[in-house]
Amino acid sequence: MKTLKIFNGHVITPHRIIRNATVLIRDGVITEVTAGDLDAPDAETLDAGGHYIAPGFIDLHVHGGGGHDFMDGNVASFLRIAELHARYGTTAMYPTTLTSEPEYLFKTLDYYEAAVKQNSKGAQLLGMHLEGPYFAMSQRGAQDPRYIRDPDPEEYEAVLAYSSAISRWSAAPELKGAIAFGRYLRSRGVLAAVAHTDAIYEEVLEAYENGYTLATHFYSAMSGVTRRNAFRYAGVIESGYLIDEMDVEIIADGIHLPPPLLKLVYKIKGPDRTALITDAMRAAGMPPGESILGNIHHGTRVIVEDGVAKLPDRSSFAGSVATADRLVRTMIQQADVPLAEAVRMITATPARIMGIADKKGVLVAGKDADIVIFDENIHIQQTIIGGTIVHDIRSSL
């Protein structure tokens, strides 16, 4: 049995920090977490150097990074993206698509399946997140309008029959057929999420009752209060606050949501209902300049500046270039969230949302040994996936 002992670090749990603690791992599973040192003479040792030891970051919504996109049409892009984000603390992710031609979606699902088998150095690929094509045209953002349409049972049933890799599907709940779509997703064990939508409260509430339990990139590409003649209507944003049990995910880069809104989400929804996501496109981990959202050959051209991707006319954001460490750092430094709670929002909370909390999200005996070690500024020192060190800053210096 392979044994690893991580010592001389401060272990972050969902509710506290254990100072000068030790984590013992055997065959990829945590066997013990304790204050102080632990005698394990047969173990390989890793000195955390007085840094923080946290559960690995789980990214629910990510499109790319390191110059690659999941829609590029090859297995290598999946692998390179997973490796790039592992360097920034992500140990598990849900690769996310964009609206596209149906046949291209099937090919992407095939590439995912192949990548899962080959991935040994990057963040674990836990399931696909389909973003679209069932969106409100008025809230399409950077999504290609050529492929936006209402839910089609023949189409989505064929997609779900084709691949068991789909864990989540985001759609606008006010569209014709969207409620039946949500019920079908729920029957198949797929998480339905509200996204790119102009729904009002009554429509969101019905959607929630029929499977839509998560708000995709909260505040982005969704309705707030609207006025029709003399009457005001609560939108998706207000619905996310009013429905206590609805989860929300936020792009916590400090740009998609400025500090006051980050603070508001944290104040109302709290760390147990809020997940941090990168929504990263291919330019994550790359220098500013021109880039492409989606497929490298026929995707949408964007500009990366001010720490975010924008459409060329700067009329809309086109995905973020954030990495997971930046999300945690932003919540601490700009939203005044305590360290343990900021970490919970990208570990325990997304694990619960995706139904994997039995194996991931916290550092306790019996869980997968997905661990990240970082300093006080959330700069990643080591990333460990399944008990194996996949990134060590000391080897890259």
Protein backbone atom coordinates (compact mmCIF):
# COMPACT_ATOMS: atom_id res chain seq x y z
CA MET A 1 0.00 0.00 0.00
CA LYS A 2 1.29 3.45 -0.93
CA THR A 3 1.29 5.74 2.10
CA LEU A 4 1.79 9.51 2.17
CA LYS A 5 2.07 11.67 5.28
CA ILE A 6 1.51 15.41 4.97
CA PHE A 7 2.66 17.21 8.09
CA ASN A 8 3.53 20.65 9.47
CA GLY A 9 0.49 22.38 8.01
CA HIS A 10 -2.85 23.90 9.02
CA VAL A 11 -5.77 21.72 7.93
CA ILE A 12 -8.89 23.57 6.79
CA THR A 13 -12.18 21.87 7.63
CA PRO A 14 -15.59 23.32 6.68
CA HIS A 15 -15.91 24.93 10.11
CA ARG A 16 -12.42 25.38 11.59
CA ILE A 17 -8.69 25.26 11.03
CA ILE A 18 -6.60 22.58 12.80
CA ARG A 19 -3.18 24.07 13.48
CA ASN A 20 0.06 22.09 13.03
CA ALA A 21 -1.82 19.06 11.79
CA THR A 22 -1.01 15.86 9.91
CA VAL A 23 -2.94 14.10 7.14
CA LEU A 24 -2.25 10.43 6.48
CA ILE A 25 -3.14 8.86 3.14
CA ARG A 26 -3.14 5.21 2.11
CA ASP A 27 -3.88 4.06 -1.43
CA GLY A 28 -5.44 7.38 -2.41
CA VAL A 29 -7.78 7.61 0.57
CA ILE A 30 -7.45 9.73 3.69
CA THR A 31 -7.06 7.47 6.75
CA GLU A 32 -6.40 10.02 9.48
CA VAL A 33 -6.39 13.77 10.16
CA THR A 34 -4.97 14.81 13.50
CA ALA A 35 -3.42 17.72 15.33
CA GLY A 36 0.33 17.43 15.80
CA ASP A 37 2.66 14.90 14.21
CA LEU A 38 1.79 11.28 13.55
CA ASP A 39 4.13 8.31 13.59
CA ALA A 40 4.06 6.58 10.19
CA PRO A 41 7.49 5.08 9.56
CA ASP A 42 6.48 3.44 6.28
CA ALA A 43 5.12 6.62 4.73
CA GLU A 44 6.52 8.96 2.11
CA THR A 45 6.49 12.41 3.72
CA LEU A 46 5.53 15.84 2.49
CA ASP A 47 6.38 18.83 4.68
CA ALA A 48 3.63 21.43 4.18
CA GLY A 49 6.03 24.10 5.39
CA GLY A 50 3.56 25.73 7.73
CA HIS A 51 1.12 26.36 4.87
CA TYR A 52 -2.59 25.57 4.68
CA ILE A 53 -3.80 22.07 3.78
CA ALA A 54 -7.26 22.14 2.18
CA PRO A 55 -9.56 19.84 0.22
CA GLY A 56 -8.93 20.02 -3.52
CA PHE A 57 -10.94 22.66 -5.36
CA ILE A 58 -13.96 21.44 -7.35
CA ASP A 59 -14.89 23.54 -10.40
CA LEU A 60 -18.51 23.02 -11.49
CA HIS A 61 -18.26 25.16 -14.62
CA VAL A 62 -15.15 25.50 -16.79
CA HIS A 63 -14.64 25.78 -20.55
CA GLY A 64 -10.89 25.81 -20.98
CA GLY A 65 -7.46 27.11 -20.06
CA GLY A 66 -3.84 27.13 -21.12
CA GLY A 67 -4.77 27.96 -24.71
CA HIS A 68 -7.25 25.09 -25.07
CA ASP A 69 -11.04 24.70 -25.02
CA PHE A 70 -13.14 21.60 -24.44
CA MET A 71 -14.86 22.35 -27.77
CA ASP A 72 -11.60 22.21 -29.76
CA GLY A 73 -12.39 18.75 -31.05
CA ASN A 74 -9.60 16.62 -29.64
CA VAL A 75 -8.64 14.64 -26.56
CA ALA A 76 -5.41 16.57 -26.01
CA SER A 77 -7.32 19.75 -25.18
CA PHE A 78 -9.19 17.99 -22.38
CA LEU A 79 -5.91 16.75 -20.92
CA ARG A 80 -4.07 20.06 -21.19
CA ILE A 81 -6.95 21.99 -19.58
CA ALA A 82 -7.09 19.52 -16.70
CA GLU A 83 -3.34 19.86 -16.17
CA LEU A 84 -3.41 23.67 -16.31
CA HIS A 85 -6.12 24.00 -13.68
CA ALA A 86 -4.50 21.42 -11.42
CA ARG A 87 -1.56 23.81 -11.10
CA TYR A 88 -3.98 26.31 -9.57
CA GLY A 89 -5.55 23.92 -7.08
CA THR A 90 -8.41 22.34 -9.01
CA THR A 91 -8.54 18.60 -8.36
CA ALA A 92 -11.92 17.89 -9.98
CA MET A 93 -13.90 19.62 -12.71
CA TYR A 94 -16.97 19.41 -14.89
CA PRO A 95 -15.97 20.26 -18.49
CA THR A 96 -18.51 22.63 -20.00
CA THR A 97 -19.72 23.00 -23.58
CA LEU A 98 -21.09 25.93 -25.56
CA THR A 99 -24.02 25.97 -27.97
CA SER A 100 -23.00 24.12 -31.12
CA GLU A 101 -24.16 21.89 -33.94
CA PRO A 102 -25.70 18.69 -32.53
CA GLU A 103 -23.22 16.39 -34.24
CA TYR A 104 -20.32 18.34 -32.77
CA LEU A 105 -21.74 17.84 -29.28
CA PHE A 106 -21.69 14.08 -29.80
CA LYS A 107 -18.04 14.24 -30.86
CA THR A 108 -17.19 16.29 -27.77
CA LEU A 109 -18.79 13.65 -25.57
CA ASP A 110 -16.63 11.02 -27.31
CA TYR A 111 -13.48 13.07 -26.67
CA TYR A 112 -14.47 13.39 -23.02
CA GLU A 113 -14.82 9.63 -22.64
CA ALA A 114 -11.39 9.08 -24.17
CA ALA A 115 -9.81 11.81 -22.05
CA VAL A 116 -11.11 10.30 -18.81
CA LYS A 117 -9.18 7.12 -19.57
CA GLN A 118 -5.95 8.96 -20.38
CA ASN A 119 -6.00 11.68 -17.73
CA SER A 120 -3.28 11.02 -15.14
CA LYS A 121 -1.72 14.42 -14.50
CA GLY A 122 -4.67 16.78 -14.37
CA ALA A 123 -7.83 17.55 -12.44
CA GLN A 124 -10.27 14.65 -12.45
CA LEU A 125 -13.00 14.86 -15.10
CA LEU A 126 -16.18 14.03 -13.19
CA GLY A 127 -18.84 14.58 -15.84
CA MET A 128 -19.89 16.90 -18.64
CA HIS A 129 -21.85 20.11 -18.14
CA LEU A 130 -23.90 21.02 -21.21
CA GLU A 131 -24.47 24.78 -21.36
CA GLY A 132 -27.25 25.28 -23.87
CA PRO A 133 -28.58 25.32 -26.51
CA TYR A 134 -31.93 25.90 -24.76
CA PHE A 135 -31.55 29.58 -23.93
CA ALA A 136 -33.43 32.88 -24.15
CA MET A 137 -32.05 34.70 -27.18
CA SER A 138 -32.20 37.99 -25.26
CA GLN A 139 -29.80 36.58 -22.64
CA ARG A 140 -27.46 34.67 -24.93
CA GLY A 141 -24.35 36.65 -23.94
CA ALA A 142 -21.43 35.19 -25.90
CA GLN A 143 -23.34 32.03 -26.91
CA ASP A 144 -23.66 31.54 -30.68
CA PRO A 145 -27.23 32.60 -31.64
CA ARG A 146 -27.28 30.21 -34.62
CA TYR A 147 -27.80 27.24 -32.33
CA ILE A 148 -30.14 28.64 -29.67
CA ARG A 149 -33.57 26.98 -29.62
CA ASP A 150 -36.33 25.56 -27.42
CA PRO A 151 -35.95 22.15 -25.76
CA ASP A 152 -36.65 19.31 -28.17
CA PRO A 153 -37.49 15.96 -26.48
CA GLU A 154 -36.30 13.95 -29.47
CA GLU A 155 -32.98 15.78 -29.38
CA TYR A 156 -32.20 15.79 -25.65
CA GLU A 157 -33.39 12.22 -25.14
CA ALA A 158 -31.02 11.14 -27.92
CA VAL A 159 -28.13 13.03 -26.33
CA LEU A 160 -28.69 11.46 -22.92
CA ALA A 161 -29.09 8.02 -24.49
CA TYR A 162 -25.81 8.50 -26.34
CA SER A 163 -23.64 9.22 -23.30
CA SER A 164 -23.79 8.56 -19.58
CA ALA A 165 -21.10 11.20 -19.01
CA ILE A 166 -23.53 14.11 -18.67
CA SER A 167 -23.83 15.30 -15.07
CA ARG A 168 -25.47 18.67 -15.56
CA TRP A 169 -27.42 20.65 -18.17
CA SER A 170 -28.12 24.40 -18.06
CA ALA A 171 -31.22 25.89 -19.72
CA ALA A 172 -33.72 28.75 -19.62
CA PRO A 173 -36.80 27.48 -17.72
CA GLU A 174 -39.31 29.82 -19.33
CA LEU A 175 -38.93 28.28 -22.79
CA LYS A 176 -41.61 26.06 -24.28
CA GLY A 177 -40.93 22.51 -23.12
CA ALA A 178 -38.37 23.51 -20.48
CA ILE A 179 -40.36 22.19 -17.51
CA ALA A 180 -40.73 18.77 -19.13
CA PHE A 181 -37.02 18.93 -19.90
CA GLY A 182 -36.21 19.57 -16.24
CA ARG A 183 -38.35 16.65 -15.14
CA TYR A 184 -36.64 14.39 -17.66
CA LEU A 185 -33.19 15.44 -16.49
CA ARG A 186 -34.16 14.74 -12.90
CA SER A 187 -35.43 11.28 -13.87
CA ARG A 188 -32.04 10.57 -15.43
CA GLY A 189 -30.07 11.81 -12.42
CA VAL A 190 -28.78 14.89 -14.27
CA LEU A 191 -28.68 18.23 -12.48
CA ALA A 192 -30.83 20.88 -14.20
CA ALA A 193 -29.65 24.47 -13.82
CA VAL A 194 -31.22 27.84 -14.66
CA ALA A 195 -29.15 29.80 -17.18
CA HIS A 196 -29.23 32.50 -19.88
CA THR A 197 -32.81 33.28 -18.99
CA ASP A 198 -35.41 36.05 -18.80
CA ALA A 199 -37.71 34.12 -16.46
CA ILE A 200 -39.77 35.79 -13.76
CA TYR A 201 -40.21 34.49 -10.21
CA GLU A 202 -43.29 32.39 -10.87
CA GLU A 203 -41.51 30.60 -13.73
CA VAL A 204 -38.36 30.02 -11.68
CA LEU A 205 -40.39 28.65 -8.77
CA GLU A 206 -42.13 26.17 -11.07
CA ALA A 207 -38.78 25.25 -12.54
CA TYR A 208 -37.30 24.66 -9.09
CA GLU A 209 -40.18 22.34 -8.27
CA ASN A 210 -39.39 20.40 -11.45
CA GLY A 211 -35.67 19.87 -11.05
CA TYR A 212 -33.89 23.19 -11.64
CA THR A 213 -32.06 23.50 -8.32
CA LEU A 214 -29.01 25.55 -9.34
CA ALA A 215 -28.58 29.02 -10.83
CA THR A 216 -25.75 29.03 -13.40
CA HIS A 217 -23.24 31.90 -13.06
CA PHE A 218 -25.61 33.85 -10.82
CA TYR A 219 -26.25 37.45 -11.98
CA SER A 220 -24.67 36.77 -15.39
CA ALA A 221 -27.07 36.42 -18.35
CA MET A 222 -30.23 36.37 -16.24
CA SER A 223 -33.12 38.67 -15.45
CA GLY A 224 -33.51 40.93 -12.47
CA VAL A 225 -36.52 43.10 -11.66
CA THR A 226 -38.42 44.00 -14.84
CA ARG A 227 -41.38 46.28 -15.49
CA ARG A 228 -44.26 45.50 -17.79
CA ASN A 229 -46.50 48.53 -18.12
CA ALA A 230 -47.10 49.60 -14.52
CA PHE A 231 -46.24 46.28 -12.90
CA ARG A 232 -42.90 45.07 -11.61
CA TYR A 233 -41.83 41.43 -11.68
CA ALA A 234 -39.09 39.69 -9.76
CA GLY A 235 -36.57 38.00 -12.02
CA VAL A 236 -34.17 35.09 -11.70
CA ILE A 237 -31.79 36.99 -9.44
CA GLU A 238 -34.51 37.77 -6.90
CA SER A 239 -35.77 34.20 -7.23
CA GLY A 240 -32.36 32.84 -6.34
CA TYR A 241 -32.52 34.81 -3.10
CA LEU A 242 -36.17 34.07 -2.32
CA ILE A 243 -35.95 30.30 -2.84
CA ASP A 244 -33.83 29.41 0.16
CA GLU A 245 -32.99 25.89 -1.04
CA MET A 246 -31.84 26.97 -4.50
CA ASP A 247 -28.07 26.82 -4.95
CA VAL A 248 -26.16 29.46 -6.86
CA GLU A 249 -22.74 29.48 -8.47
CA ILE A 250 -20.75 32.68 -8.94
CA ILE A 251 -17.76 33.71 -11.03
CA ALA A 252 -15.82 35.17 -8.11
CA ASP A 253 -13.15 36.96 -10.12
CA GLY A 254 -14.12 40.37 -8.74
CA ILE A 255 -15.09 41.50 -12.25
CA HIS A 256 -18.15 39.53 -13.30
CA LEU A 257 -19.42 40.35 -9.82
CA PRO A 258 -17.85 43.38 -8.10
CA PRO A 259 -17.18 43.25 -4.33
CA PRO A 260 -20.59 44.63 -3.23
CA LEU A 261 -22.41 41.86 -5.10
CA LEU A 262 -20.01 39.19 -3.84
CA LYS A 263 -20.78 40.40 -0.32
CA LEU A 264 -24.52 40.39 -1.01
CA VAL A 265 -24.51 36.81 -2.32
CA TYR A 266 -22.48 35.67 0.66
CA LYS A 267 -24.74 37.54 3.10
CA ILE A 268 -28.00 36.14 1.74
CA LYS A 269 -27.14 32.70 0.32
CA GLY A 270 -24.18 31.93 2.57
CA PRO A 271 -21.28 29.52 1.99
CA ASP A 272 -23.46 26.40 2.04
CA ARG A 273 -25.60 27.51 -0.93
CA THR A 274 -22.92 29.31 -2.95
CA ALA A 275 -20.36 27.57 -5.14
CA LEU A 276 -17.37 29.36 -6.67
CA ILE A 277 -16.73 28.65 -10.36
CA THR A 278 -14.09 29.82 -12.81
CA ASP A 279 -16.24 29.70 -15.99
CA ALA A 280 -12.74 29.87 -17.48
CA MET A 281 -12.22 29.93 -21.23
CA ARG A 282 -9.03 29.02 -23.10
CA ALA A 283 -7.16 32.17 -22.07
CA ALA A 284 -7.01 31.19 -18.39
CA GLY A 285 -3.35 30.93 -17.46
CA MET A 286 -2.36 32.82 -20.62
CA PRO A 287 -1.21 36.45 -21.19
CA PRO A 288 -3.75 39.16 -22.20
CA GLY A 289 -4.61 39.74 -25.84
CA GLU A 290 -6.81 38.19 -28.52
CA SER A 291 -8.30 34.76 -27.96
CA ILE A 292 -11.16 32.53 -29.09
CA LEU A 293 -14.19 31.36 -27.14
CA GLY A 294 -15.22 27.86 -28.12
CA ASN A 295 -13.77 25.82 -30.98
CA ILE A 296 -10.32 26.99 -32.07
CA HIS A 297 -11.30 27.00 -35.76
CA HIS A 298 -14.79 28.52 -35.76
CA GLY A 299 -15.35 29.89 -32.26
CA THR A 300 -16.05 33.49 -31.25
CA ARG A 301 -13.15 35.94 -31.26
CA VAL A 302 -12.68 37.74 -27.94
CA ILE A 303 -10.33 40.15 -26.26
CA VAL A 304 -8.73 39.41 -22.92
CA GLU A 305 -8.08 42.58 -20.93
CA ASP A 306 -8.65 43.86 -17.40
CA GLY A 307 -8.49 40.27 -16.17
CA VAL A 308 -11.55 39.10 -18.13
CA ALA A 309 -12.58 37.98 -21.65
CA LYS A 310 -14.84 40.36 -23.60
CA LEU A 311 -16.60 40.35 -26.95
CA PRO A 312 -14.65 42.47 -29.47
CA ASP A 313 -17.16 45.34 -29.21
CA ARG A 314 -16.85 45.12 -25.40
CA SER A 315 -20.64 44.84 -25.11
CA SER A 316 -20.47 41.71 -22.96
CA PHE A 317 -18.11 39.52 -21.00
CA ALA A 318 -17.24 36.32 -22.85
CA GLY A 319 -16.20 34.05 -20.02
CA SER A 320 -13.57 34.50 -17.38
CA VAL A 321 -9.85 33.82 -17.30
CA ALA A 322 -9.91 33.02 -13.59
CA THR A 323 -8.31 30.04 -11.93
CA ALA A 324 -9.62 28.49 -8.73
CA ASP A 325 -7.00 30.05 -6.46
CA ARG A 326 -8.06 33.50 -7.67
CA LEU A 327 -11.67 32.80 -6.69
CA VAL A 328 -10.75 31.98 -3.11
CA ARG A 329 -8.37 34.92 -2.89
CA THR A 330 -11.02 37.30 -4.22
CA MET A 331 -13.67 36.16 -1.73
CA ILE A 332 -11.24 36.67 1.16
CA GLN A 333 -9.70 39.95 0.06
CA GLN A 334 -12.65 41.67 -1.64
CA ALA A 335 -15.72 40.13 0.02
CA ASP A 336 -14.30 39.77 3.55
CA VAL A 337 -15.20 36.07 3.72
CA PRO A 338 -13.30 34.00 6.32
CA LEU A 339 -10.74 31.59 4.85
CA ALA A 340 -12.51 28.40 5.96
CA GLU A 341 -15.82 29.55 4.44
CA ALA A 342 -14.23 30.70 1.16
CA VAL A 343 -12.64 27.27 0.86
CA ARG A 344 -15.97 25.58 1.68
CA MET A 345 -17.55 27.39 -1.28
CA ILE A 346 -15.22 25.61 -3.70
CA THR A 347 -14.97 22.25 -1.93
CA ALA A 348 -17.76 20.97 0.34
CA THR A 349 -20.53 23.03 -1.28
CA PRO A 350 -19.93 21.98 -4.91
CA ALA A 351 -19.42 18.39 -3.73
CA ARG A 352 -22.89 18.43 -2.16
CA ILE A 353 -24.46 20.11 -5.19
CA MET A 354 -23.13 17.40 -7.51
CA GLY A 355 -23.89 14.51 -5.17
CA ILE A 356 -20.27 13.49 -4.56
CA ALA A 357 -19.98 14.58 -0.92
CA ASP A 358 -19.57 10.97 0.15
CA LYS A 359 -16.09 10.97 -1.43
CA LYS A 360 -14.96 14.55 -1.91
CA GLY A 361 -15.06 18.07 -0.50
CA VAL A 362 -13.69 17.68 3.04
CA LEU A 363 -10.56 16.30 4.67
CA VAL A 364 -11.76 13.47 6.87
CA ALA A 365 -10.95 9.76 7.05
CA GLY A 366 -12.55 7.77 4.27
CA LYS A 367 -12.64 10.57 1.68
CA ASP A 368 -10.59 10.70 -1.52
CA ALA A 369 -7.14 12.20 -0.96
CA ASP A 370 -7.70 15.25 -3.18
CA ILE A 371 -5.70 17.96 -1.43
CA VAL A 372 -4.24 21.37 -2.14
CA ILE A 373 -1.56 23.13 -0.12
CA PHE A 374 -1.29 26.93 -0.35
CA ASP A 375 0.23 29.92 1.43
CA GLU A 376 -1.48 32.88 3.10
CA ASN A 377 -2.05 34.53 -0.28
CA ILE A 378 -3.62 31.35 -1.72
CA HIS A 379 -0.62 30.69 -3.95
CA ILE A 380 -0.67 26.97 -4.68
CA GLN A 381 2.33 25.00 -3.44
CA GLN A 382 1.22 21.42 -4.13
CA THR A 383 -1.79 19.74 -5.67
CA ILE A 384 -2.54 16.13 -4.79
CA ILE A 385 -5.14 14.01 -6.59
CA GLY A 386 -6.00 10.57 -5.30
CA GLY A 387 -2.92 10.63 -3.09
CA THR A 388 -0.56 11.43 -5.98
CA ILE A 389 1.29 14.76 -6.19
CA VAL A 390 0.48 16.17 -9.65
CA HIS A 391 1.86 19.67 -9.06
CA ASP A 392 4.70 20.81 -6.83
CA ILE A 393 5.87 24.40 -7.07
CA ARG A 394 9.34 23.35 -5.95
CA SER A 395 9.83 21.32 -9.12
CA SER A 396 8.89 24.26 -11.36
CA LEU A 397 11.21 26.83 -9.78
